[in-house]
Amino acid sequence: MIKYISVIGLLLLVFVVGTAFVVDNQNNKEMESAQNDGLTLITDTPEEGFAVAVQLARKGVTTTQPDKDVLFMLRDVYSKDPDALIASSEVIAIHYQTVAAANDYWRD
């Protein structure tokens, strides 16, 4: 039972770490811009909101595991695990829901 819980804990860490690698180049540029200007949940478009959601997930990963060597060591594990990749998407989706609500779902 304890081994099972440890595996679940590792998978949780792995899927959170996985979020750091799911962003395309355009979203990376938007996130860099947001980092330079300061992080805000308020965005002009849903696409910008998604970039903020990804940034929040990435910040959660680096806050949880600040050791870059450990992060990159685990990459080989989670990058081949479909459940970990799906869980990473879930984390981003939860953050995206928060950003969307903060922007009143981009309604005028």
Protein backbone atom coordinates (compact mmCIF):
# COMPACT_ATOMS: atom_id res chain seq x y z
CA MET A 1 0.00 0.00 0.00
CA ILE A 2 2.81 2.45 0.88
CA LYS A 3 4.62 1.61 -2.35
CA TYR A 4 1.39 2.33 -4.27
CA ILE A 5 1.05 5.71 -2.54
CA SER A 6 4.68 6.52 -3.35
CA VAL A 7 4.08 5.69 -7.01
CA ILE A 8 1.02 7.94 -7.04
CA GLY A 9 3.06 10.74 -5.46
CA LEU A 10 5.76 10.32 -8.07
CA LEU A 11 3.18 10.34 -10.85
CA LEU A 12 1.64 13.51 -9.46
CA LEU A 13 5.04 15.19 -9.46
CA VAL A 14 5.73 13.87 -12.92
CA PHE A 15 2.50 15.19 -14.42
CA VAL A 16 3.05 18.59 -12.88
CA VAL A 17 6.57 18.63 -14.26
CA GLY A 18 5.17 17.61 -17.63
CA THR A 19 3.27 20.85 -17.92
CA ALA A 20 6.53 22.66 -18.44
CA PHE A 21 6.87 21.10 -21.87
CA VAL A 22 3.41 21.39 -23.45
CA VAL A 23 3.60 24.94 -24.75
CA ASP A 24 4.30 25.87 -28.34
CA ASN A 25 6.62 28.73 -29.39
CA GLN A 26 3.90 31.37 -29.58
CA ASN A 27 2.72 30.66 -26.07
CA ASN A 28 6.32 30.77 -24.87
CA LYS A 29 6.65 34.29 -26.29
CA GLU A 30 3.41 35.35 -24.61
CA MET A 31 4.59 33.91 -21.31
CA GLU A 32 7.95 35.68 -21.57
CA SER A 33 6.09 38.91 -22.16
CA ALA A 34 3.88 38.24 -19.13
CA GLN A 35 6.95 37.48 -17.01
CA ASN A 36 8.54 40.79 -17.99
CA ASP A 37 5.35 42.71 -17.26
CA GLY A 38 4.36 40.79 -14.14
CA LEU A 39 1.86 37.96 -13.94
CA THR A 40 -1.80 38.86 -14.18
CA LEU A 41 -4.93 36.78 -14.69
CA ILE A 42 -6.49 39.50 -16.83
CA THR A 43 -5.88 38.93 -20.54
CA ASP A 44 -7.28 40.31 -23.79
CA THR A 45 -7.95 36.97 -25.47
CA PRO A 46 -8.59 33.35 -24.57
CA GLU A 47 -5.27 32.45 -26.23
CA GLU A 48 -3.40 34.80 -23.90
CA GLY A 49 -5.38 33.30 -21.03
CA PHE A 50 -4.19 29.84 -22.01
CA ALA A 51 -0.58 31.06 -21.99
CA VAL A 52 -1.11 32.40 -18.45
CA ALA A 53 -2.60 29.04 -17.41
CA VAL A 54 0.48 27.24 -18.72
CA GLN A 55 2.73 29.73 -16.96
CA LEU A 56 0.92 29.12 -13.67
CA ALA A 57 1.37 25.38 -14.08
CA ARG A 58 5.08 25.82 -14.85
CA LYS A 59 5.56 28.07 -11.84
CA GLY A 60 3.89 25.44 -9.69
CA VAL A 61 6.38 22.88 -10.94
CA THR A 62 9.45 25.00 -10.29
CA THR A 63 8.15 26.02 -6.88
CA THR A 64 7.53 22.40 -5.96
CA GLN A 65 10.84 21.15 -7.37
CA PRO A 66 13.41 23.93 -7.73
CA ASP A 67 16.23 21.51 -8.60
CA LYS A 68 16.47 21.62 -12.41
CA ASP A 69 18.58 18.46 -12.49
CA VAL A 70 15.78 16.49 -10.84
CA LEU A 71 13.20 18.01 -13.17
CA PHE A 72 15.13 16.99 -16.27
CA MET A 73 15.92 13.56 -14.82
CA LEU A 74 12.20 12.84 -14.47
CA ARG A 75 11.40 14.07 -17.96
CA ASP A 76 12.20 10.72 -19.55
CA VAL A 77 9.72 9.04 -17.19
CA TYR A 78 6.70 11.31 -17.65
CA SER A 79 7.25 12.01 -21.35
CA LYS A 80 6.49 8.36 -22.10
CA ASP A 81 3.54 8.01 -19.72
CA PRO A 82 0.22 8.93 -21.34
CA ASP A 83 -1.49 9.18 -17.93
CA ALA A 84 1.09 11.70 -16.75
CA LEU A 85 0.69 13.75 -19.92
CA ILE A 86 -3.09 13.74 -19.59
CA ALA A 87 -2.77 14.78 -15.94
CA SER A 88 -0.52 17.67 -17.03
CA SER A 89 -3.24 18.83 -19.38
CA GLU A 90 -5.73 18.65 -16.52
CA VAL A 91 -3.60 20.95 -14.38
CA ILE A 92 -3.45 23.49 -17.20
CA ALA A 93 -7.20 23.17 -17.75
CA ILE A 94 -7.89 23.94 -14.10
CA HIS A 95 -5.70 27.03 -14.27
CA TYR A 96 -7.40 28.02 -17.54
CA GLN A 97 -10.80 27.83 -15.84
CA THR A 98 -9.54 30.27 -13.21
CA VAL A 99 -8.16 32.67 -15.81
CA ALA A 100 -11.36 32.47 -17.87
CA ALA A 101 -13.50 33.23 -14.84
CA ALA A 102 -11.25 36.17 -13.91
CA ASN A 103 -11.84 37.54 -17.41
CA ASP A 104 -15.59 36.98 -17.22
CA TYR A 105 -15.04 34.43 -19.99
CA TRP A 106 -13.92 37.28 -22.29
CA ARG A 107 -17.40 38.73 -22.55
CA ASP A 108 -17.79 42.46 -23.11
